[in-house]
Amino acid sequence: MNCSGRKNTMATRWFIFNMVGAMGALVQLSLLSFLLKFLRLDYFTATGLAVEAAILHNFFWHERWTWAEQIKNEKQNYLKRLMSFNLTTGVLSIVQNLILMRIFMDKLRINCLSANLCAIVSCSLFNYFIVEQIVFRSLHKSSNKEKP
């Protein structure tokens, strides 16, 4: 249930997912900027590290906000969900971001932060369905069983 006492619909989860994603994008872009400017890492390494930071950030908030309703009875499987999240959307996000960064920066000559923002937006829809259908799918089944 959300704050108003109503059950989250898929549309509500999609909206919340995007709010978490927007916060994660800020984490990713901020860290990318820091890694490039102050640590002088190459954009490829910096992108991978920034994406992973955003993945961990997003998982934390998805657990507490996006899919909190389904998780309320599944607290003990936190590490399993974290690993599942990281091995699905995490790996895909890193691979997608790195490929898209190569295309946007090397081929299209877009600056690094703009290219990264384009990569984030490009990956968003795909990642929602991966998380919804793989990471939190079993929780939907268990929360549906509780209905009278």
N, C-alpha and C. Protein backbone atom coordinates (compact mmCIF):
# COMPACT_ATOMS: atom_id res chain seq x y z
N MET A 1 0.84 -1.18 0.00
CA MET A 1 0.00 0.00 0.00
C MET A 1 0.88 1.25 0.00
N ASN A 2 0.42 2.26 -0.68
CA ASN A 2 1.15 3.53 -0.65
C ASN A 2 0.67 4.38 0.51
N CYS A 3 1.14 5.61 0.61
CA CYS A 3 0.78 6.49 1.75
C CYS A 3 -0.72 6.73 1.85
N SER A 4 -1.42 6.71 0.74
CA SER A 4 -2.86 6.98 0.78
C SER A 4 -3.66 5.74 1.16
N GLY A 5 -3.00 4.61 1.36
CA GLY A 5 -3.68 3.38 1.74
C GLY A 5 -4.16 2.57 0.53
N ARG A 6 -3.84 3.03 -0.68
CA ARG A 6 -4.25 2.31 -1.88
C ARG A 6 -3.11 1.45 -2.40
N LYS A 7 -3.47 0.36 -3.05
CA LYS A 7 -2.49 -0.55 -3.63
C LYS A 7 -1.83 0.10 -4.84
N ASN A 8 -0.52 -0.08 -4.97
CA ASN A 8 0.19 0.44 -6.12
C ASN A 8 -0.19 -0.34 -7.37
N THR A 9 -0.51 0.36 -8.44
CA THR A 9 -0.77 -0.27 -9.73
C THR A 9 0.53 -0.28 -10.52
N MET A 10 0.52 -0.95 -11.65
CA MET A 10 1.72 -0.95 -12.48
C MET A 10 2.05 0.47 -12.93
N ALA A 11 1.03 1.28 -13.23
CA ALA A 11 1.27 2.67 -13.63
C ALA A 11 1.92 3.46 -12.50
N THR A 12 1.47 3.23 -11.27
CA THR A 12 2.08 3.91 -10.13
C THR A 12 3.52 3.47 -9.96
N ARG A 13 3.75 2.15 -10.06
CA ARG A 13 5.12 1.64 -9.95
C ARG A 13 6.01 2.23 -11.04
N TRP A 14 5.49 2.36 -12.27
CA TRP A 14 6.25 2.93 -13.38
C TRP A 14 6.64 4.37 -13.05
N PHE A 15 5.70 5.15 -12.50
CA PHE A 15 5.99 6.52 -12.11
C PHE A 15 7.06 6.57 -11.02
N ILE A 16 6.89 5.76 -9.98
CA ILE A 16 7.85 5.73 -8.88
C ILE A 16 9.21 5.25 -9.37
N PHE A 17 9.20 4.23 -10.23
CA PHE A 17 10.44 3.71 -10.83
C PHE A 17 11.20 4.85 -11.50
N ASN A 18 10.48 5.69 -12.23
CA ASN A 18 11.12 6.80 -12.93
C ASN A 18 11.61 7.88 -11.97
N MET A 19 10.92 8.09 -10.87
CA MET A 19 11.40 9.04 -9.86
C MET A 19 12.70 8.54 -9.24
N VAL A 20 12.73 7.25 -8.90
CA VAL A 20 13.96 6.66 -8.38
C VAL A 20 15.05 6.74 -9.44
N GLY A 21 14.68 6.44 -10.68
CA GLY A 21 15.63 6.51 -11.78
C GLY A 21 16.20 7.90 -11.98
N ALA A 22 15.36 8.92 -11.82
CA ALA A 22 15.84 10.30 -11.94
C ALA A 22 16.86 10.62 -10.85
N MET A 23 16.56 10.17 -9.62
CA MET A 23 17.55 10.37 -8.54
C MET A 23 18.83 9.59 -8.84
N GLY A 24 18.68 8.37 -9.35
CA GLY A 24 19.85 7.57 -9.72
C GLY A 24 20.65 8.21 -10.84
N ALA A 25 19.94 8.85 -11.78
CA ALA A 25 20.63 9.55 -12.87
C ALA A 25 21.48 10.69 -12.31
N LEU A 26 20.95 11.39 -11.32
CA LEU A 26 21.74 12.45 -10.68
C LEU A 26 22.97 11.88 -9.99
N VAL A 27 22.81 10.75 -9.31
CA VAL A 27 23.95 10.07 -8.69
C VAL A 27 24.97 9.70 -9.76
N GLN A 28 24.50 9.09 -10.83
CA GLN A 28 25.38 8.63 -11.89
C GLN A 28 26.11 9.80 -12.57
N LEU A 29 25.38 10.83 -12.93
CA LEU A 29 25.99 11.97 -13.61
C LEU A 29 26.95 12.73 -12.69
N SER A 30 26.59 12.85 -11.42
CA SER A 30 27.47 13.54 -10.46
C SER A 30 28.76 12.77 -10.26
N LEU A 31 28.63 11.46 -10.06
CA LEU A 31 29.83 10.65 -9.86
C LEU A 31 30.68 10.61 -11.12
N LEU A 32 30.04 10.49 -12.27
CA LEU A 32 30.78 10.51 -13.53
C LEU A 32 31.58 11.80 -13.67
N SER A 33 30.94 12.90 -13.39
CA SER A 33 31.61 14.20 -13.46
C SER A 33 32.81 14.24 -12.50
N PHE A 34 32.59 13.78 -11.28
CA PHE A 34 33.67 13.76 -10.28
C PHE A 34 34.83 12.87 -10.74
N LEU A 35 34.51 11.68 -11.21
CA LEU A 35 35.55 10.73 -11.64
C LEU A 35 36.35 11.27 -12.83
N LEU A 36 35.67 11.96 -13.72
CA LEU A 36 36.35 12.53 -14.88
C LEU A 36 37.20 13.75 -14.51
N LYS A 37 36.61 14.64 -13.72
CA LYS A 37 37.26 15.91 -13.43
C LYS A 37 38.36 15.79 -12.38
N PHE A 38 38.07 15.11 -11.28
CA PHE A 38 39.02 15.09 -10.17
C PHE A 38 39.94 13.87 -10.15
N LEU A 39 39.43 12.72 -10.54
CA LEU A 39 40.28 11.53 -10.56
C LEU A 39 40.88 11.29 -11.94
N ARG A 40 40.40 12.03 -12.92
CA ARG A 40 40.91 11.97 -14.29
C ARG A 40 40.88 10.55 -14.88
N LEU A 41 39.82 9.82 -14.55
CA LEU A 41 39.65 8.50 -15.15
C LEU A 41 39.18 8.66 -16.59
N ASP A 42 39.44 7.66 -17.41
CA ASP A 42 38.91 7.70 -18.77
C ASP A 42 37.40 7.51 -18.70
N TYR A 43 36.68 8.01 -19.70
CA TYR A 43 35.22 8.01 -19.64
C TYR A 43 34.63 6.61 -19.56
N PHE A 44 35.30 5.62 -20.14
CA PHE A 44 34.78 4.26 -20.15
C PHE A 44 34.78 3.67 -18.74
N THR A 45 35.90 3.77 -18.03
CA THR A 45 36.00 3.29 -16.65
C THR A 45 35.08 4.09 -15.73
N ALA A 46 35.10 5.41 -15.88
CA ALA A 46 34.26 6.28 -15.05
C ALA A 46 32.78 5.96 -15.25
N THR A 47 32.38 5.68 -16.47
CA THR A 47 30.98 5.34 -16.75
C THR A 47 30.59 4.06 -16.04
N GLY A 48 31.42 3.04 -16.13
CA GLY A 48 31.13 1.76 -15.46
C GLY A 48 30.96 1.93 -13.96
N LEU A 49 31.85 2.69 -13.34
CA LEU A 49 31.77 2.91 -11.89
C LEU A 49 30.54 3.75 -11.51
N ALA A 50 30.25 4.76 -12.31
CA ALA A 50 29.10 5.62 -12.03
C ALA A 50 27.79 4.85 -12.20
N VAL A 51 27.72 4.00 -13.20
CA VAL A 51 26.52 3.18 -13.41
C VAL A 51 26.31 2.25 -12.21
N GLU A 52 27.37 1.61 -11.76
CA GLU A 52 27.23 0.69 -10.62
C GLU A 52 26.78 1.44 -9.36
N ALA A 53 27.27 2.62 -9.15
CA ALA A 53 26.81 3.43 -8.00
C ALA A 53 25.32 3.73 -8.13
N ALA A 54 24.88 4.07 -9.32
CA ALA A 54 23.45 4.35 -9.55
C ALA A 54 22.62 3.08 -9.36
N ILE A 55 23.14 1.94 -9.77
CA ILE A 55 22.43 0.67 -9.61
C ILE A 55 22.20 0.39 -8.13
N LEU A 56 23.23 0.55 -7.31
CA LEU A 56 23.09 0.31 -5.87
C LEU A 56 22.12 1.31 -5.24
N HIS A 57 22.23 2.56 -5.62
CA HIS A 57 21.31 3.60 -5.16
C HIS A 57 19.87 3.22 -5.52
N ASN A 58 19.66 2.87 -6.79
CA ASN A 58 18.32 2.57 -7.24
C ASN A 58 17.75 1.34 -6.54
N PHE A 59 18.56 0.32 -6.35
CA PHE A 59 18.06 -0.86 -5.65
C PHE A 59 17.58 -0.50 -4.25
N PHE A 60 18.37 0.27 -3.54
CA PHE A 60 18.00 0.69 -2.18
C PHE A 60 16.63 1.36 -2.18
N TRP A 61 16.42 2.30 -3.10
CA TRP A 61 15.15 3.03 -3.14
C TRP A 61 14.01 2.21 -3.73
N HIS A 62 14.28 1.33 -4.67
CA HIS A 62 13.23 0.45 -5.18
C HIS A 62 12.71 -0.46 -4.07
N GLU A 63 13.62 -0.93 -3.24
CA GLU A 63 13.23 -1.77 -2.10
C GLU A 63 12.33 -1.00 -1.14
N ARG A 64 12.61 0.25 -0.93
CA ARG A 64 11.89 1.04 0.07
C ARG A 64 10.69 1.80 -0.48
N TRP A 65 10.62 1.94 -1.81
CA TRP A 65 9.58 2.78 -2.37
C TRP A 65 8.82 2.08 -3.51
N THR A 66 9.50 1.74 -4.58
CA THR A 66 8.83 1.22 -5.77
C THR A 66 8.12 -0.10 -5.52
N TRP A 67 8.84 -1.05 -4.92
CA TRP A 67 8.27 -2.37 -4.67
C TRP A 67 8.13 -2.67 -3.17
N ALA A 68 8.04 -1.64 -2.35
CA ALA A 68 7.95 -1.81 -0.90
C ALA A 68 6.74 -2.65 -0.50
N GLU A 69 5.65 -2.49 -1.21
CA GLU A 69 4.42 -3.23 -0.92
C GLU A 69 4.65 -4.74 -1.04
N GLN A 70 5.35 -5.16 -2.07
CA GLN A 70 5.60 -6.58 -2.28
C GLN A 70 6.67 -7.13 -1.34
N ILE A 71 7.56 -6.27 -0.89
CA ILE A 71 8.70 -6.71 -0.10
C ILE A 71 8.39 -6.85 1.38
N LYS A 72 7.31 -6.26 1.84
CA LYS A 72 7.03 -6.21 3.28
C LYS A 72 7.12 -7.57 3.95
N ASN A 73 6.82 -8.66 3.27
CA ASN A 73 6.87 -9.99 3.85
C ASN A 73 8.11 -10.77 3.41
N GLU A 74 9.02 -10.14 2.71
CA GLU A 74 10.17 -10.82 2.13
C GLU A 74 11.50 -10.20 2.54
N LYS A 75 11.59 -9.65 3.73
CA LYS A 75 12.80 -8.96 4.18
C LYS A 75 14.03 -9.87 4.18
N GLN A 76 13.85 -11.15 4.47
CA GLN A 76 14.99 -12.05 4.61
C GLN A 76 15.71 -12.33 3.29
N ASN A 77 15.12 -12.03 2.16
CA ASN A 77 15.75 -12.31 0.87
C ASN A 77 16.43 -11.08 0.26
N TYR A 78 16.80 -10.13 1.09
CA TYR A 78 17.39 -8.87 0.63
C TYR A 78 18.63 -9.11 -0.25
N LEU A 79 19.57 -9.92 0.23
CA LEU A 79 20.81 -10.16 -0.53
C LEU A 79 20.52 -10.90 -1.84
N LYS A 80 19.56 -11.80 -1.82
CA LYS A 80 19.19 -12.51 -3.04
C LYS A 80 18.64 -11.52 -4.07
N ARG A 81 17.76 -10.61 -3.63
CA ARG A 81 17.22 -9.60 -4.55
C ARG A 81 18.31 -8.65 -5.04
N LEU A 82 19.21 -8.26 -4.15
CA LEU A 82 20.32 -7.38 -4.55
C LEU A 82 21.17 -8.05 -5.63
N MET A 83 21.50 -9.32 -5.42
CA MET A 83 22.29 -10.05 -6.42
C MET A 83 21.51 -10.18 -7.73
N SER A 84 20.23 -10.51 -7.64
CA SER A 84 19.40 -10.64 -8.83
C SER A 84 19.32 -9.31 -9.57
N PHE A 85 19.13 -8.22 -8.83
CA PHE A 85 19.06 -6.88 -9.41
C PHE A 85 20.37 -6.55 -10.11
N ASN A 86 21.49 -6.82 -9.44
CA ASN A 86 22.80 -6.51 -9.99
C ASN A 86 23.14 -7.38 -11.19
N LEU A 87 22.72 -8.65 -11.17
CA LEU A 87 23.05 -9.56 -12.27
C LEU A 87 22.11 -9.41 -13.47
N THR A 88 20.98 -8.74 -13.28
CA THR A 88 20.07 -8.51 -14.40
C THR A 88 20.20 -7.08 -14.87
N THR A 89 19.48 -6.20 -14.23
CA THR A 89 19.50 -4.80 -14.65
C THR A 89 20.87 -4.17 -14.48
N GLY A 90 21.62 -4.61 -13.48
CA GLY A 90 22.96 -4.05 -13.27
C GLY A 90 23.89 -4.34 -14.42
N VAL A 91 24.01 -5.62 -14.75
CA VAL A 91 24.90 -6.00 -15.86
C VAL A 91 24.41 -5.38 -17.17
N LEU A 92 23.10 -5.47 -17.39
CA LEU A 92 22.56 -4.89 -18.62
C LEU A 92 22.78 -3.38 -18.69
N SER A 93 22.60 -2.70 -17.57
CA SER A 93 22.80 -1.24 -17.55
C SER A 93 24.24 -0.87 -17.85
N ILE A 94 25.16 -1.59 -17.24
CA ILE A 94 26.57 -1.30 -17.48
C ILE A 94 26.92 -1.55 -18.95
N VAL A 95 26.52 -2.71 -19.47
CA VAL A 95 26.82 -3.03 -20.87
C VAL A 95 26.16 -2.02 -21.81
N GLN A 96 24.87 -1.76 -21.59
CA GLN A 96 24.15 -0.82 -22.46
C GLN A 96 24.79 0.57 -22.39
N ASN A 97 25.08 1.04 -21.18
CA ASN A 97 25.68 2.37 -21.03
C ASN A 97 27.03 2.44 -21.72
N LEU A 98 27.85 1.42 -21.56
CA LEU A 98 29.18 1.45 -22.18
C LEU A 98 29.09 1.44 -23.70
N ILE A 99 28.20 0.61 -24.24
CA ILE A 99 28.03 0.57 -25.70
C ILE A 99 27.50 1.91 -26.21
N LEU A 100 26.46 2.41 -25.54
CA LEU A 100 25.88 3.68 -25.98
C LEU A 100 26.86 4.85 -25.82
N MET A 101 27.66 4.82 -24.77
CA MET A 101 28.66 5.88 -24.59
C MET A 101 29.66 5.86 -25.74
N ARG A 102 30.09 4.68 -26.15
CA ARG A 102 31.01 4.58 -27.30
C ARG A 102 30.37 5.19 -28.54
N ILE A 103 29.11 4.85 -28.78
CA ILE A 103 28.41 5.36 -29.96
C ILE A 103 28.22 6.88 -29.86
N PHE A 104 27.67 7.34 -28.73
CA PHE A 104 27.38 8.76 -28.59
C PHE A 104 28.63 9.63 -28.58
N MET A 105 29.68 9.15 -27.93
CA MET A 105 30.89 9.97 -27.83
C MET A 105 31.81 9.80 -29.03
N ASP A 106 32.12 8.55 -29.36
CA ASP A 106 33.11 8.31 -30.41
C ASP A 106 32.54 8.50 -31.82
N LYS A 107 31.31 8.10 -32.03
CA LYS A 107 30.74 8.19 -33.38
C LYS A 107 29.97 9.50 -33.60
N LEU A 108 29.16 9.89 -32.61
CA LEU A 108 28.32 11.08 -32.77
C LEU A 108 28.95 12.34 -32.18
N ARG A 109 30.06 12.17 -31.46
CA ARG A 109 30.81 13.30 -30.89
C ARG A 109 29.99 14.15 -29.92
N ILE A 110 29.15 13.49 -29.11
CA ILE A 110 28.38 14.18 -28.07
C ILE A 110 29.26 14.26 -26.83
N ASN A 111 29.20 15.37 -26.07
CA ASN A 111 30.04 15.48 -24.88
C ASN A 111 29.65 14.42 -23.85
N CYS A 112 30.54 14.13 -22.94
CA CYS A 112 30.43 12.99 -22.05
C CYS A 112 29.15 12.98 -21.19
N LEU A 113 28.85 14.06 -20.51
CA LEU A 113 27.68 14.07 -19.63
C LEU A 113 26.38 14.02 -20.42
N SER A 114 26.31 14.69 -21.55
CA SER A 114 25.12 14.60 -22.40
C SER A 114 24.96 13.19 -22.96
N ALA A 115 26.06 12.59 -23.38
CA ALA A 115 26.03 11.23 -23.89
C ALA A 115 25.55 10.26 -22.81
N ASN A 116 26.00 10.47 -21.58
CA ASN A 116 25.60 9.60 -20.48
C ASN A 116 24.12 9.77 -20.17
N LEU A 117 23.62 10.99 -20.20
CA LEU A 117 22.20 11.23 -19.98
C LEU A 117 21.37 10.54 -21.07
N CYS A 118 21.80 10.62 -22.30
CA CYS A 118 21.11 9.92 -23.40
C CYS A 118 21.12 8.41 -23.18
N ALA A 119 22.22 7.88 -22.70
CA ALA A 119 22.32 6.44 -22.42
C ALA A 119 21.37 6.04 -21.30
N ILE A 120 21.29 6.84 -20.26
CA ILE A 120 20.39 6.56 -19.13
C ILE A 120 18.94 6.50 -19.62
N VAL A 121 18.53 7.48 -20.37
CA VAL A 121 17.15 7.53 -20.88
C VAL A 121 16.89 6.33 -21.79
N SER A 122 17.85 5.99 -22.63
CA SER A 122 17.70 4.87 -23.56
C SER A 122 17.50 3.53 -22.84
N CYS A 123 18.09 3.39 -21.67
CA CYS A 123 18.04 2.12 -20.92
C CYS A 123 16.83 2.02 -19.99
N SER A 124 16.17 3.10 -19.70
CA SER A 124 15.15 3.15 -18.66
C SER A 124 13.99 2.18 -18.86
N LEU A 125 13.34 2.22 -20.00
CA LEU A 125 12.17 1.38 -20.24
C LEU A 125 12.52 -0.10 -20.17
N PHE A 126 13.59 -0.47 -20.82
CA PHE A 126 14.03 -1.86 -20.82
C PHE A 126 14.31 -2.33 -19.39
N ASN A 127 14.99 -1.51 -18.62
CA ASN A 127 15.33 -1.88 -17.25
C ASN A 127 14.10 -2.06 -16.36
N TYR A 128 13.07 -1.23 -16.56
CA TYR A 128 11.85 -1.37 -15.76
C TYR A 128 11.27 -2.77 -15.94
N PHE A 129 11.14 -3.20 -17.17
CA PHE A 129 10.53 -4.50 -17.42
C PHE A 129 11.40 -5.65 -16.92
N ILE A 130 12.71 -5.50 -16.97
CA ILE A 130 13.59 -6.53 -16.41
C ILE A 130 13.37 -6.63 -14.91
N VAL A 131 13.37 -5.51 -14.23
CA VAL A 131 13.20 -5.51 -12.77
C VAL A 131 11.81 -6.01 -12.39
N GLU A 132 10.80 -5.52 -13.07
CA GLU A 132 9.41 -5.90 -12.78
C GLU A 132 9.19 -7.39 -12.99
N GLN A 133 9.72 -7.94 -14.07
CA GLN A 133 9.43 -9.32 -14.42
C GLN A 133 10.42 -10.35 -13.85
N ILE A 134 11.61 -9.95 -13.49
CA ILE A 134 12.59 -10.91 -13.00
C ILE A 134 12.87 -10.73 -11.51
N VAL A 135 13.28 -9.55 -11.11
CA VAL A 135 13.73 -9.35 -9.73
C VAL A 135 12.56 -9.40 -8.75
N PHE A 136 11.47 -8.72 -9.06
CA PHE A 136 10.36 -8.62 -8.11
C PHE A 136 9.14 -9.45 -8.51
N ARG A 137 9.24 -10.26 -9.55
CA ARG A 137 8.10 -11.06 -10.03
C ARG A 137 7.57 -12.01 -8.98
N SER A 138 8.43 -12.75 -8.30
CA SER A 138 7.97 -13.71 -7.29
C SER A 138 7.25 -13.00 -6.16
N LEU A 139 7.60 -11.75 -5.90
CA LEU A 139 6.92 -11.00 -4.85
C LEU A 139 5.50 -10.67 -5.25
N HIS A 140 5.25 -10.44 -6.54
CA HIS A 140 3.89 -10.19 -7.00
C HIS A 140 3.02 -11.41 -6.72
N LYS A 141 3.58 -12.58 -6.99
CA LYS A 141 2.82 -13.81 -6.77
C LYS A 141 2.49 -14.00 -5.30
N SER A 142 3.48 -13.77 -4.42
CA SER A 142 3.21 -13.96 -2.99
C SER A 142 2.27 -12.91 -2.43
N SER A 143 2.31 -11.67 -2.94
CA SER A 143 1.40 -10.64 -2.45
C SER A 143 -0.01 -10.88 -2.96
N ASN A 144 -0.16 -11.50 -4.13
CA ASN A 144 -1.49 -11.83 -4.65
C ASN A 144 -2.13 -12.96 -3.86
N LYS A 145 -1.33 -13.87 -3.31
CA LYS A 145 -1.86 -14.98 -2.54
C LYS A 145 -2.48 -14.49 -1.23
N GLU A 146 -2.03 -13.35 -0.74
CA GLU A 146 -2.53 -12.84 0.53
C GLU A 146 -3.90 -12.21 0.42
N LYS A 147 -4.38 -11.97 -0.81
CA LYS A 147 -5.68 -11.33 -0.98
C LYS A 147 -6.78 -12.27 -0.51
N PRO A 148 -7.81 -11.73 0.18
CA PRO A 148 -8.90 -12.60 0.64
C PRO A 148 -9.76 -13.09 -0.49
